[in-house]
Amino acid sequence: MADIVSKLVRECNKAHVKGVDFPTIWQTTLKQHPYVAGQPLQDHSESGPALMIPLITGRHLIFDASGFRLG
């Protein structure tokens, strides 16, 4: 399970580094992923505004100015 989530984080960061915006990553990668449990929620992290994407594991995929990470 952790390997699948780690792969998802890497895939999202790879797209982000290539200049793909969040709405596109949401539509093409996250929205249909079986581990994504709901819509992005607005939040705030140490680096500023953030989006938290709930996962079926109970954790969140966090997207902020530094990219994607598991929270």
N, C-alpha and C. Protein backbone atom coordinates (compact mmCIF):
# COMPACT_ATOMS: atom_id res chain seq x y z
N MET A 1 0.82 -1.19 0.00
CA MET A 1 0.00 0.00 0.00
C MET A 1 0.86 1.25 0.00
N ALA A 2 1.89 1.30 0.85
CA ALA A 2 2.77 2.46 0.92
C ALA A 2 3.48 2.68 -0.41
N ASP A 3 3.83 1.59 -1.09
CA ASP A 3 4.51 1.69 -2.37
C ASP A 3 3.61 2.35 -3.42
N ILE A 4 2.33 2.04 -3.41
CA ILE A 4 1.38 2.63 -4.35
C ILE A 4 1.25 4.13 -4.09
N VAL A 5 1.17 4.52 -2.83
CA VAL A 5 1.06 5.93 -2.48
C VAL A 5 2.35 6.66 -2.83
N SER A 6 3.49 6.06 -2.55
CA SER A 6 4.78 6.68 -2.90
C SER A 6 4.89 6.88 -4.41
N LYS A 7 4.44 5.90 -5.16
CA LYS A 7 4.46 6.01 -6.62
C LYS A 7 3.56 7.15 -7.08
N LEU A 8 2.40 7.30 -6.45
CA LEU A 8 1.48 8.38 -6.79
C LEU A 8 2.13 9.74 -6.52
N VAL A 9 2.78 9.89 -5.37
CA VAL A 9 3.47 11.15 -5.05
C VAL A 9 4.55 11.44 -6.09
N ARG A 10 5.34 10.44 -6.46
CA ARG A 10 6.40 10.63 -7.46
C ARG A 10 5.81 11.02 -8.81
N GLU A 11 4.74 10.35 -9.21
CA GLU A 11 4.09 10.64 -10.49
C GLU A 11 3.58 12.08 -10.54
N CYS A 12 2.94 12.53 -9.46
CA CYS A 12 2.43 13.90 -9.40
C CYS A 12 3.56 14.92 -9.41
N ASN A 13 4.63 14.66 -8.66
CA ASN A 13 5.76 15.58 -8.64
C ASN A 13 6.47 15.64 -9.98
N LYS A 14 6.55 14.51 -10.65
CA LYS A 14 7.18 14.48 -11.98
C LYS A 14 6.41 15.39 -12.93
N ALA A 15 5.09 15.31 -12.92
CA ALA A 15 4.26 16.16 -13.77
C ALA A 15 4.40 17.63 -13.36
N HIS A 16 4.41 17.89 -12.05
CA HIS A 16 4.52 19.26 -11.54
C HIS A 16 5.83 19.90 -11.98
N VAL A 17 6.92 19.17 -11.89
CA VAL A 17 8.24 19.68 -12.29
C VAL A 17 8.25 20.01 -13.79
N LYS A 18 7.49 19.26 -14.57
CA LYS A 18 7.41 19.50 -16.01
C LYS A 18 6.52 20.70 -16.34
N GLY A 19 5.91 21.31 -15.32
CA GLY A 19 5.08 22.50 -15.53
C GLY A 19 3.59 22.23 -15.66
N VAL A 20 3.16 21.01 -15.38
CA VAL A 20 1.73 20.69 -15.44
C VAL A 20 1.04 21.31 -14.22
N ASP A 21 -0.07 22.00 -14.44
CA ASP A 21 -0.77 22.66 -13.33
C ASP A 21 -1.62 21.68 -12.53
N PHE A 22 -2.02 22.11 -11.33
CA PHE A 22 -2.77 21.22 -10.45
C PHE A 22 -4.09 20.74 -11.06
N PRO A 23 -4.89 21.62 -11.68
CA PRO A 23 -6.15 21.11 -12.26
C PRO A 23 -5.94 19.97 -13.27
N THR A 24 -4.88 20.06 -14.04
CA THR A 24 -4.60 19.00 -15.01
C THR A 24 -4.16 17.73 -14.31
N ILE A 25 -3.30 17.85 -13.30
CA ILE A 25 -2.87 16.67 -12.53
C ILE A 25 -4.07 16.04 -11.84
N TRP A 26 -4.97 16.86 -11.32
CA TRP A 26 -6.18 16.34 -10.68
C TRP A 26 -7.01 15.53 -11.68
N GLN A 27 -7.25 16.09 -12.86
CA GLN A 27 -8.09 15.43 -13.86
C GLN A 27 -7.45 14.17 -14.45
N THR A 28 -6.14 14.22 -14.69
CA THR A 28 -5.49 13.12 -15.41
C THR A 28 -4.92 12.03 -14.50
N THR A 29 -4.59 12.37 -13.27
CA THR A 29 -3.90 11.41 -12.40
C THR A 29 -4.66 11.11 -11.11
N LEU A 30 -5.08 12.13 -10.42
CA LEU A 30 -5.62 11.94 -9.07
C LEU A 30 -7.09 11.55 -9.02
N LYS A 31 -7.93 12.22 -9.80
CA LYS A 31 -9.38 12.05 -9.69
C LYS A 31 -9.81 10.59 -9.82
N GLN A 32 -9.20 9.85 -10.74
CA GLN A 32 -9.62 8.47 -10.97
C GLN A 32 -8.77 7.44 -10.21
N HIS A 33 -7.78 7.90 -9.45
CA HIS A 33 -6.90 6.96 -8.74
C HIS A 33 -7.68 6.26 -7.62
N PRO A 34 -7.55 4.94 -7.52
CA PRO A 34 -8.33 4.19 -6.51
C PRO A 34 -8.00 4.54 -5.06
N TYR A 35 -6.87 5.17 -4.80
CA TYR A 35 -6.51 5.53 -3.43
C TYR A 35 -6.99 6.92 -3.03
N VAL A 36 -7.47 7.71 -3.98
CA VAL A 36 -7.97 9.06 -3.68
C VAL A 36 -9.41 8.93 -3.19
N ALA A 37 -9.66 9.48 -1.99
CA ALA A 37 -10.94 9.27 -1.32
C ALA A 37 -11.90 10.46 -1.40
N GLY A 38 -11.50 11.55 -2.04
CA GLY A 38 -12.40 12.69 -2.12
C GLY A 38 -11.77 13.88 -2.80
N GLN A 39 -12.53 14.97 -2.81
CA GLN A 39 -12.11 16.21 -3.45
C GLN A 39 -11.00 16.91 -2.65
N PRO A 40 -10.17 17.71 -3.33
CA PRO A 40 -9.14 18.49 -2.62
C PRO A 40 -9.78 19.48 -1.65
N LEU A 41 -9.15 19.66 -0.52
CA LEU A 41 -9.60 20.59 0.50
C LEU A 41 -8.55 21.68 0.65
N GLN A 42 -8.99 22.93 0.77
CA GLN A 42 -8.04 24.02 0.96
C GLN A 42 -7.51 23.98 2.38
N ASP A 43 -6.20 24.25 2.50
CA ASP A 43 -5.54 24.26 3.80
C ASP A 43 -4.40 25.27 3.73
N HIS A 44 -3.61 25.31 4.79
CA HIS A 44 -2.45 26.20 4.86
C HIS A 44 -1.30 25.43 5.48
N SER A 45 -0.14 25.44 4.82
CA SER A 45 1.04 24.76 5.37
C SER A 45 2.11 25.79 5.68
N GLU A 46 3.25 25.32 6.16
CA GLU A 46 4.34 26.22 6.50
C GLU A 46 4.83 27.02 5.29
N SER A 47 4.59 26.51 4.08
CA SER A 47 5.03 27.22 2.87
C SER A 47 3.91 28.02 2.22
N GLY A 48 2.76 28.15 2.89
CA GLY A 48 1.66 28.95 2.35
C GLY A 48 0.42 28.12 2.08
N PRO A 49 -0.42 28.60 1.15
CA PRO A 49 -1.66 27.87 0.82
C PRO A 49 -1.35 26.45 0.34
N ALA A 50 -2.25 25.54 0.65
CA ALA A 50 -2.05 24.14 0.27
C ALA A 50 -3.39 23.50 -0.04
N LEU A 51 -3.33 22.43 -0.81
CA LEU A 51 -4.50 21.59 -1.07
C LEU A 51 -4.22 20.23 -0.45
N MET A 52 -5.21 19.70 0.25
CA MET A 52 -5.07 18.39 0.86
C MET A 52 -6.04 17.44 0.17
N ILE A 53 -5.50 16.37 -0.40
CA ILE A 53 -6.31 15.38 -1.09
C ILE A 53 -6.42 14.16 -0.19
N PRO A 54 -7.62 13.82 0.31
CA PRO A 54 -7.76 12.67 1.20
C PRO A 54 -7.51 11.35 0.47
N LEU A 55 -6.83 10.44 1.17
CA LEU A 55 -6.54 9.12 0.63
C LEU A 55 -7.29 8.06 1.44
N ILE A 56 -7.53 6.90 0.85
CA ILE A 56 -8.24 5.83 1.56
C ILE A 56 -7.45 5.30 2.75
N THR A 57 -6.17 5.63 2.81
CA THR A 57 -5.32 5.19 3.92
C THR A 57 -5.55 6.01 5.18
N GLY A 58 -6.32 7.12 5.06
CA GLY A 58 -6.53 8.01 6.19
C GLY A 58 -5.56 9.17 6.19
N ARG A 59 -4.56 9.11 5.33
CA ARG A 59 -3.60 10.21 5.23
C ARG A 59 -4.03 11.14 4.09
N HIS A 60 -3.23 12.16 3.83
CA HIS A 60 -3.53 13.12 2.78
C HIS A 60 -2.33 13.29 1.86
N LEU A 61 -2.61 13.54 0.61
CA LEU A 61 -1.60 13.99 -0.33
C LEU A 61 -1.69 15.51 -0.29
N ILE A 62 -0.59 16.16 0.03
CA ILE A 62 -0.59 17.61 0.20
C ILE A 62 0.13 18.24 -0.99
N PHE A 63 -0.50 19.25 -1.59
CA PHE A 63 0.10 20.01 -2.68
C PHE A 63 0.24 21.45 -2.23
N ASP A 64 1.49 21.93 -2.21
CA ASP A 64 1.74 23.33 -1.86
C ASP A 64 2.85 23.85 -2.77
N ALA A 65 3.43 24.98 -2.41
CA ALA A 65 4.46 25.61 -3.25
C ALA A 65 5.66 24.70 -3.50
N SER A 66 5.91 23.76 -2.61
CA SER A 66 7.06 22.87 -2.78
C SER A 66 6.74 21.61 -3.59
N GLY A 67 5.46 21.44 -3.96
CA GLY A 67 5.07 20.26 -4.74
C GLY A 67 4.16 19.35 -3.94
N PHE A 68 4.19 18.07 -4.29
CA PHE A 68 3.34 17.07 -3.64
C PHE A 68 4.13 16.32 -2.58
N ARG A 69 3.47 16.00 -1.46
CA ARG A 69 4.07 15.18 -0.41
C ARG A 69 2.95 14.47 0.35
N LEU A 70 3.33 13.47 1.08
CA LEU A 70 2.37 12.74 1.89
C LEU A 70 2.30 13.37 3.26
N GLY A 71 1.09 13.59 3.74
CA GLY A 71 0.92 14.21 5.05
C GLY A 71 0.07 13.36 5.96
